[in-house]
Amino acid sequence: MTDHFADDPRTHRERMLAGDLYIGDDPELVARTARAARLADLYHRQTISGDPAARGWLQDLLGELGEGVIVRPPLHVDYGEHIRIGARTFVNFGLTALDTAAITIGEDCQIGPNVQLLTPTHPIDPTLRRDKLEAALPIAIGDNVWLGGGVIVCPGVTIGDNTVIGAGAVVTRDIPANVVAVGNPARVIREIGDEHDA
């Protein structure tokens, strides 16, 4: 296998956080993902048992957890520490948030069941892919966004404030504020006006 990093003194974690190519099964990264899996499992089990201390495990797992946030387990993450969730956001069952880059979820959001927020990317070049190289692009979700059940948000996407993404949509590019978007790939079907549609 080619040494793609011979002239790069950075760790794979430093490369990952910079958005550059890195090796995902680097021992430091593997240890961090194992820690995240343990914390997510503890949060899940403690929530099911009704232990009021469960939120502490979630706070240890995530980079930032706003006041009044509800996350219904199970929750699946790569690291957890690169995820920020704003105040009063509700996350339903089964969120998969692969945070090899930053994932920011704004305040007052509604995240439906089985949503996927996917920051990892892989090279198109088959040789680089065979050599286990990957990279990542951040995801940013504005305030008061509603992601319907089963929505998939792809790497590098930003979704603007107040926007609604219909159930099952695959969001492959940025979506502006104050719109409704649906489909695969997601496309804007209308703006949200002052009529306060239900």
C-alpha atoms as a PDB file:
ATOM      1  CA  MET A   1       0.000   0.000   0.000  1.00  0.00           C
ATOM      2  CA  THR A   2       1.241   3.491  -0.853  1.00  0.00           C
ATOM      3  CA  ASP A   3       2.198   5.780   2.027  1.00  0.00           C
ATOM      4  CA  HIS A   4      -0.005   8.753   1.169  1.00  0.00           C
ATOM      5  CA  PHE A   5       1.162  10.734   4.202  1.00  0.00           C
ATOM      6  CA  ALA A   6       4.967  10.468   4.017  1.00  0.00           C
ATOM      7  CA  ASP A   7       5.416  14.265   3.967  1.00  0.00           C
ATOM      8  CA  ASP A   8       2.534  15.106   6.330  1.00  0.00           C
ATOM      9  CA  PRO A   9       3.445  15.130  10.049  1.00  0.00           C
ATOM     10  CA  ARG A  10      -0.167  15.505  11.208  1.00  0.00           C
ATOM     11  CA  THR A  11      -2.078  12.744  12.944  1.00  0.00           C
ATOM     12  CA  HIS A  12      -4.996  11.139  11.147  1.00  0.00           C
ATOM     13  CA  ARG A  13      -7.337  12.900  13.580  1.00  0.00           C
ATOM     14  CA  GLU A  14      -5.787  16.272  12.681  1.00  0.00           C
ATOM     15  CA  ARG A  15      -6.235  15.482   8.984  1.00  0.00           C
ATOM     16  CA  MET A  16      -9.840  14.382   9.592  1.00  0.00           C
ATOM     17  CA  LEU A  17     -10.720  17.582  11.448  1.00  0.00           C
ATOM     18  CA  ALA A  18      -9.115  19.656   8.676  1.00  0.00           C
ATOM     19  CA  GLY A  19     -11.327  17.972   6.071  1.00  0.00           C
ATOM     20  CA  ASP A  20      -8.371  16.245   4.406  1.00  0.00           C
ATOM     21  CA  LEU A  21      -7.915  12.605   3.510  1.00  0.00           C
ATOM     22  CA  TYR A  22      -7.106  10.325   6.457  1.00  0.00           C
ATOM     23  CA  ILE A  23      -7.225   6.659   7.506  1.00  0.00           C
ATOM     24  CA  GLY A  24     -10.376   5.890   9.512  1.00  0.00           C
ATOM     25  CA  ASP A  25      -9.044   2.795  11.277  1.00  0.00           C
ATOM     26  CA  ASP A  26      -6.131   4.684  12.837  1.00  0.00           C
ATOM     27  CA  PRO A  27      -5.753   3.430  16.463  1.00  0.00           C
ATOM     28  CA  GLU A  28      -6.471   6.843  18.017  1.00  0.00           C
ATOM     29  CA  LEU A  29      -9.679   7.193  15.998  1.00  0.00           C
ATOM     30  CA  VAL A  30     -10.714   3.614  16.748  1.00  0.00           C
ATOM     31  CA  ALA A  31     -10.300   4.299  20.482  1.00  0.00           C
ATOM     32  CA  ARG A  32     -12.424   7.448  20.218  1.00  0.00           C
ATOM     33  CA  THR A  33     -15.197   5.651  18.338  1.00  0.00           C
ATOM     34  CA  ALA A  34     -15.160   2.864  20.932  1.00  0.00           C
ATOM     35  CA  ARG A  35     -15.568   5.465  23.702  1.00  0.00           C
ATOM     36  CA  ALA A  36     -18.505   7.011  21.828  1.00  0.00           C
ATOM     37  CA  ALA A  37     -20.156   3.612  21.398  1.00  0.00           C
ATOM     38  CA  ARG A  38     -19.847   2.913  25.127  1.00  0.00           C
ATOM     39  CA  LEU A  39     -21.335   6.299  26.088  1.00  0.00           C
ATOM     40  CA  ALA A  40     -24.197   5.949  23.579  1.00  0.00           C
ATOM     41  CA  ASP A  41     -24.944   2.480  24.959  1.00  0.00           C
ATOM     42  CA  LEU A  42     -24.894   3.745  28.560  1.00  0.00           C
ATOM     43  CA  TYR A  43     -27.208   6.614  27.607  1.00  0.00           C
ATOM     44  CA  HIS A  44     -29.585   4.165  25.924  1.00  0.00           C
ATOM     45  CA  ARG A  45     -29.662   1.713  28.834  1.00  0.00           C
ATOM     46  CA  GLN A  46     -29.950   4.391  31.506  1.00  0.00           C
ATOM     47  CA  THR A  47     -32.778   6.124  29.622  1.00  0.00           C
ATOM     48  CA  ILE A  48     -34.706   2.860  29.300  1.00  0.00           C
ATOM     49  CA  SER A  49     -34.250   2.161  33.011  1.00  0.00           C
ATOM     50  CA  GLY A  50     -35.592   5.610  33.874  1.00  0.00           C
ATOM     51  CA  ASP A  51     -32.361   6.769  35.510  1.00  0.00           C
ATOM     52  CA  PRO A  52     -32.390  10.590  35.749  1.00  0.00           C
ATOM     53  CA  ALA A  53     -28.576  10.534  35.428  1.00  0.00           C
ATOM     54  CA  ALA A  54     -28.884   9.396  31.791  1.00  0.00           C
ATOM     55  CA  ARG A  55     -28.567  12.960  30.516  1.00  0.00           C
ATOM     56  CA  GLY A  56     -25.076  13.090  32.018  1.00  0.00           C
ATOM     57  CA  TRP A  57     -23.939  10.307  29.684  1.00  0.00           C
ATOM     58  CA  LEU A  58     -25.365  12.229  26.730  1.00  0.00           C
ATOM     59  CA  GLN A  59     -23.544  15.390  27.826  1.00  0.00           C
ATOM     60  CA  ASP A  60     -20.305  13.403  28.072  1.00  0.00           C
ATOM     61  CA  LEU A  61     -20.890  12.015  24.577  1.00  0.00           C
ATOM     62  CA  LEU A  62     -21.804  15.161  22.653  1.00  0.00           C
ATOM     63  CA  GLY A  63     -19.729  18.268  22.032  1.00  0.00           C
ATOM     64  CA  GLU A  64     -22.559  20.575  23.075  1.00  0.00           C
ATOM     65  CA  LEU A  65     -26.058  19.876  24.361  1.00  0.00           C
ATOM     66  CA  GLY A  66     -28.392  22.843  24.708  1.00  0.00           C
ATOM     67  CA  GLU A  67     -30.907  23.347  27.481  1.00  0.00           C
ATOM     68  CA  GLY A  68     -34.107  21.335  27.131  1.00  0.00           C
ATOM     69  CA  VAL A  69     -32.821  19.073  24.341  1.00  0.00           C
ATOM     70  CA  ILE A  70     -34.505  15.670  24.122  1.00  0.00           C
ATOM     71  CA  VAL A  71     -32.729  12.816  22.333  1.00  0.00           C
ATOM     72  CA  ARG A  72     -34.657   9.544  22.253  1.00  0.00           C
ATOM     73  CA  PRO A  73     -32.320   6.564  22.023  1.00  0.00           C
ATOM     74  CA  PRO A  74     -30.928   4.695  20.267  1.00  0.00           C
ATOM     75  CA  LEU A  75     -28.397   7.238  19.029  1.00  0.00           C
ATOM     76  CA  HIS A  76     -25.561   6.184  16.701  1.00  0.00           C
ATOM     77  CA  VAL A  77     -22.476   8.381  16.272  1.00  0.00           C
ATOM     78  CA  ASP A  78     -18.871   8.058  15.171  1.00  0.00           C
ATOM     79  CA  TYR A  79     -17.356  10.293  17.862  1.00  0.00           C
ATOM     80  CA  GLY A  80     -20.162  12.377  19.368  1.00  0.00           C
ATOM     81  CA  GLU A  81     -17.759  15.134  20.361  1.00  0.00           C
ATOM     82  CA  HIS A  82     -18.199  16.904  17.004  1.00  0.00           C
ATOM     83  CA  ILE A  83     -21.992  17.214  17.406  1.00  0.00           C
ATOM     84  CA  ARG A  84     -23.679  20.349  18.727  1.00  0.00           C
ATOM     85  CA  ILE A  85     -27.419  20.440  19.384  1.00  0.00           C
ATOM     86  CA  GLY A  86     -29.135  23.735  20.173  1.00  0.00           C
ATOM     87  CA  ALA A  87     -31.624  24.392  22.953  1.00  0.00           C
ATOM     88  CA  ARG A  88     -35.102  22.843  22.920  1.00  0.00           C
ATOM     89  CA  THR A  89     -34.407  20.587  19.939  1.00  0.00           C
ATOM     90  CA  PHE A  90     -36.208  17.231  19.836  1.00  0.00           C
ATOM     91  CA  VAL A  91     -34.491  14.192  18.295  1.00  0.00           C
ATOM     92  CA  ASN A  92     -36.655  11.133  17.767  1.00  0.00           C
ATOM     93  CA  PHE A  93     -35.560   7.466  17.822  1.00  0.00           C
ATOM     94  CA  GLY A  94     -32.681   6.163  15.745  1.00  0.00           C
ATOM     95  CA  LEU A  95     -30.623   9.208  14.763  1.00  0.00           C
ATOM     96  CA  THR A  96     -27.419   8.229  12.962  1.00  0.00           C
ATOM     97  CA  ALA A  97     -25.011  11.177  13.084  1.00  0.00           C
ATOM     98  CA  LEU A  98     -21.645  10.250  11.583  1.00  0.00           C
ATOM     99  CA  ASP A  99     -19.581  13.133  12.873  1.00  0.00           C
ATOM    100  CA  THR A 100     -16.174  12.729  11.274  1.00  0.00           C
ATOM    101  CA  ALA A 101     -16.702  16.447  10.592  1.00  0.00           C
ATOM    102  CA  ALA A 102     -18.762  18.892  12.616  1.00  0.00           C
ATOM    103  CA  ILE A 103     -22.535  18.442  12.781  1.00  0.00           C
ATOM    104  CA  THR A 104     -24.405  21.482  14.055  1.00  0.00           C
ATOM    105  CA  ILE A 105     -28.136  21.281  14.765  1.00  0.00           C
ATOM    106  CA  GLY A 106     -29.781  24.590  15.672  1.00  0.00           C
ATOM    107  CA  GLU A 107     -32.293  25.501  18.336  1.00  0.00           C
ATOM    108  CA  ASP A 108     -35.953  24.392  18.354  1.00  0.00           C
ATOM    109  CA  CYS A 109     -35.453  21.741  15.657  1.00  0.00           C
ATOM    110  CA  GLN A 110     -37.586  18.636  15.157  1.00  0.00           C
ATOM    111  CA  ILE A 111     -35.585  15.610  13.981  1.00  0.00           C
ATOM    112  CA  GLY A 112     -37.793  12.703  12.917  1.00  0.00           C
ATOM    113  CA  PRO A 113     -37.088   9.007  13.504  1.00  0.00           C
ATOM    114  CA  ASN A 114     -34.273   7.272  11.642  1.00  0.00           C
ATOM    115  CA  VAL A 115     -32.712  10.461  10.263  1.00  0.00           C
ATOM    116  CA  GLN A 116     -29.147  10.131   8.960  1.00  0.00           C
ATOM    117  CA  LEU A 117     -26.636  12.995   9.083  1.00  0.00           C
ATOM    118  CA  LEU A 118     -23.626  11.750   7.119  1.00  0.00           C
ATOM    119  CA  THR A 119     -20.411  13.792   7.005  1.00  0.00           C
ATOM    120  CA  PRO A 120     -17.973  11.117   5.678  1.00  0.00           C
ATOM    121  CA  THR A 121     -16.922  11.048   2.043  1.00  0.00           C
ATOM    122  CA  HIS A 122     -14.866   8.494   0.152  1.00  0.00           C
ATOM    123  CA  PRO A 123     -12.687   8.963  -2.938  1.00  0.00           C
ATOM    124  CA  ILE A 124     -14.102   8.164  -6.353  1.00  0.00           C
ATOM    125  CA  ASP A 125     -10.626   6.886  -7.301  1.00  0.00           C
ATOM    126  CA  PRO A 126     -10.769   3.115  -6.593  1.00  0.00           C
ATOM    127  CA  THR A 127      -7.078   2.937  -5.629  1.00  0.00           C
ATOM    128  CA  LEU A 128      -7.477   5.552  -2.899  1.00  0.00           C
ATOM    129  CA  ARG A 129     -10.650   3.855  -1.697  1.00  0.00           C
ATOM    130  CA  ARG A 130      -8.878   0.477  -1.581  1.00  0.00           C
ATOM    131  CA  ASP A 131      -6.169   2.139   0.530  1.00  0.00           C
ATOM    132  CA  LYS A 132      -8.940   3.029   3.047  1.00  0.00           C
ATOM    133  CA  LEU A 133      -8.695   6.797   2.605  1.00  0.00           C
ATOM    134  CA  GLU A 134     -11.678   8.927   3.518  1.00  0.00           C
ATOM    135  CA  ALA A 135     -12.496  12.560   4.296  1.00  0.00           C
ATOM    136  CA  ALA A 136     -15.470  14.505   5.637  1.00  0.00           C
ATOM    137  CA  LEU A 137     -17.486  17.678   5.110  1.00  0.00           C
ATOM    138  CA  PRO A 138     -19.513  19.411   7.855  1.00  0.00           C
ATOM    139  CA  ILE A 139     -23.303  19.529   8.088  1.00  0.00           C
ATOM    140  CA  ALA A 140     -25.128  22.592   9.445  1.00  0.00           C
ATOM    141  CA  ILE A 141     -28.841  22.652  10.248  1.00  0.00           C
ATOM    142  CA  GLY A 142     -30.349  26.021  11.137  1.00  0.00           C
ATOM    143  CA  ASP A 143     -32.812  26.927  13.866  1.00  0.00           C
ATOM    144  CA  ASN A 144     -36.401  25.660  13.861  1.00  0.00           C
ATOM    145  CA  VAL A 145     -35.793  23.111  11.096  1.00  0.00           C
ATOM    146  CA  TRP A 146     -37.999  20.025  10.785  1.00  0.00           C
ATOM    147  CA  LEU A 147     -36.420  16.913   9.254  1.00  0.00           C
ATOM    148  CA  GLY A 148     -39.102  14.316   8.587  1.00  0.00           C
ATOM    149  CA  GLY A 149     -38.635  10.629   9.304  1.00  0.00           C
ATOM    150  CA  GLY A 150     -35.925   8.870   7.338  1.00  0.00           C
ATOM    151  CA  VAL A 151     -34.326  12.034   5.918  1.00  0.00           C
ATOM    152  CA  ILE A 152     -30.722  11.617   4.781  1.00  0.00           C
ATOM    153  CA  VAL A 153     -28.462  14.679   4.825  1.00  0.00           C
ATOM    154  CA  CYS A 154     -25.282  14.225   2.792  1.00  0.00           C
ATOM    155  CA  PRO A 155     -21.780  15.602   3.477  1.00  0.00           C
ATOM    156  CA  GLY A 156     -21.261  19.357   3.238  1.00  0.00           C
ATOM    157  CA  VAL A 157     -24.952  20.321   3.302  1.00  0.00           C
ATOM    158  CA  THR A 158     -26.377  23.397   5.040  1.00  0.00           C
ATOM    159  CA  ILE A 159     -30.118  23.695   5.706  1.00  0.00           C
ATOM    160  CA  GLY A 160     -31.474  27.178   6.457  1.00  0.00           C
ATOM    161  CA  ASP A 161     -33.649  28.320   9.367  1.00  0.00           C
ATOM    162  CA  ASN A 162     -37.325  27.297   9.517  1.00  0.00           C
ATOM    163  CA  THR A 163     -37.045  24.890   6.594  1.00  0.00           C
ATOM    164  CA  VAL A 164     -39.011  21.626   6.408  1.00  0.00           C
ATOM    165  CA  ILE A 165     -37.502  18.553   4.736  1.00  0.00           C
ATOM    166  CA  GLY A 166     -40.151  15.966   3.863  1.00  0.00           C
ATOM    167  CA  ALA A 167     -39.944  12.385   5.086  1.00  0.00           C
ATOM    168  CA  GLY A 168     -37.541  10.171   3.167  1.00  0.00           C
ATOM    169  CA  ALA A 169     -35.843  13.046   1.327  1.00  0.00           C
ATOM    170  CA  VAL A 170     -32.158  12.778   0.414  1.00  0.00           C
ATOM    171  CA  VAL A 171     -30.535  16.185   0.798  1.00  0.00           C
ATOM    172  CA  THR A 172     -27.518  16.346  -1.505  1.00  0.00           C
ATOM    173  CA  ARG A 173     -27.052  20.133  -1.688  1.00  0.00           C
ATOM    174  CA  ASP A 174     -27.745  23.224   0.403  1.00  0.00           C
ATOM    175  CA  ILE A 175     -31.386  24.125   1.062  1.00  0.00           C
ATOM    176  CA  PRO A 176     -32.248  27.771   1.842  1.00  0.00           C
ATOM    177  CA  ALA A 177     -34.217  29.085   4.799  1.00  0.00           C
ATOM    178  CA  ASN A 178     -38.025  29.187   4.924  1.00  0.00           C
ATOM    179  CA  VAL A 179     -38.830  26.526   2.322  1.00  0.00           C
ATOM    180  CA  VAL A 180     -40.280  23.038   2.048  1.00  0.00           C
ATOM    181  CA  ALA A 181     -38.090  20.496   0.217  1.00  0.00           C
ATOM    182  CA  VAL A 182     -38.918  16.894  -0.679  1.00  0.00           C
ATOM    183  CA  GLY A 183     -37.683  14.015  -2.807  1.00  0.00           C
ATOM    184  CA  ASN A 184     -34.497  12.311  -3.924  1.00  0.00           C
ATOM    185  CA  PRO A 185     -32.555  14.413  -4.513  1.00  0.00           C
ATOM    186  CA  ALA A 186     -34.414  16.914  -2.328  1.00  0.00           C
ATOM    187  CA  ARG A 187     -35.754  19.920  -4.197  1.00  0.00           C
ATOM    188  CA  VAL A 188     -37.609  22.984  -2.998  1.00  0.00           C
ATOM    189  CA  ILE A 189     -41.323  22.775  -3.771  1.00  0.00           C
ATOM    190  CA  ARG A 190     -42.473  25.993  -2.101  1.00  0.00           C
ATOM    191  CA  GLU A 191     -41.626  28.823   0.226  1.00  0.00           C
ATOM    192  CA  ILE A 192     -43.045  29.048   3.713  1.00  0.00           C
ATOM    193  CA  GLY A 193     -45.146  32.197   4.018  1.00  0.00           C
ATOM    194  CA  ASP A 194     -46.831  34.019   6.864  1.00  0.00           C
ATOM    195  CA  GLU A 195     -49.975  31.926   6.521  1.00  0.00           C
ATOM    196  CA  HIS A 196     -48.652  29.433   9.132  1.00  0.00           C
ATOM    197  CA  ASP A 197     -49.701  26.337   7.205  1.00  0.00           C
ATOM    198  CA  ALA A 198     -50.153  23.169   9.224  1.00  0.00           C
END
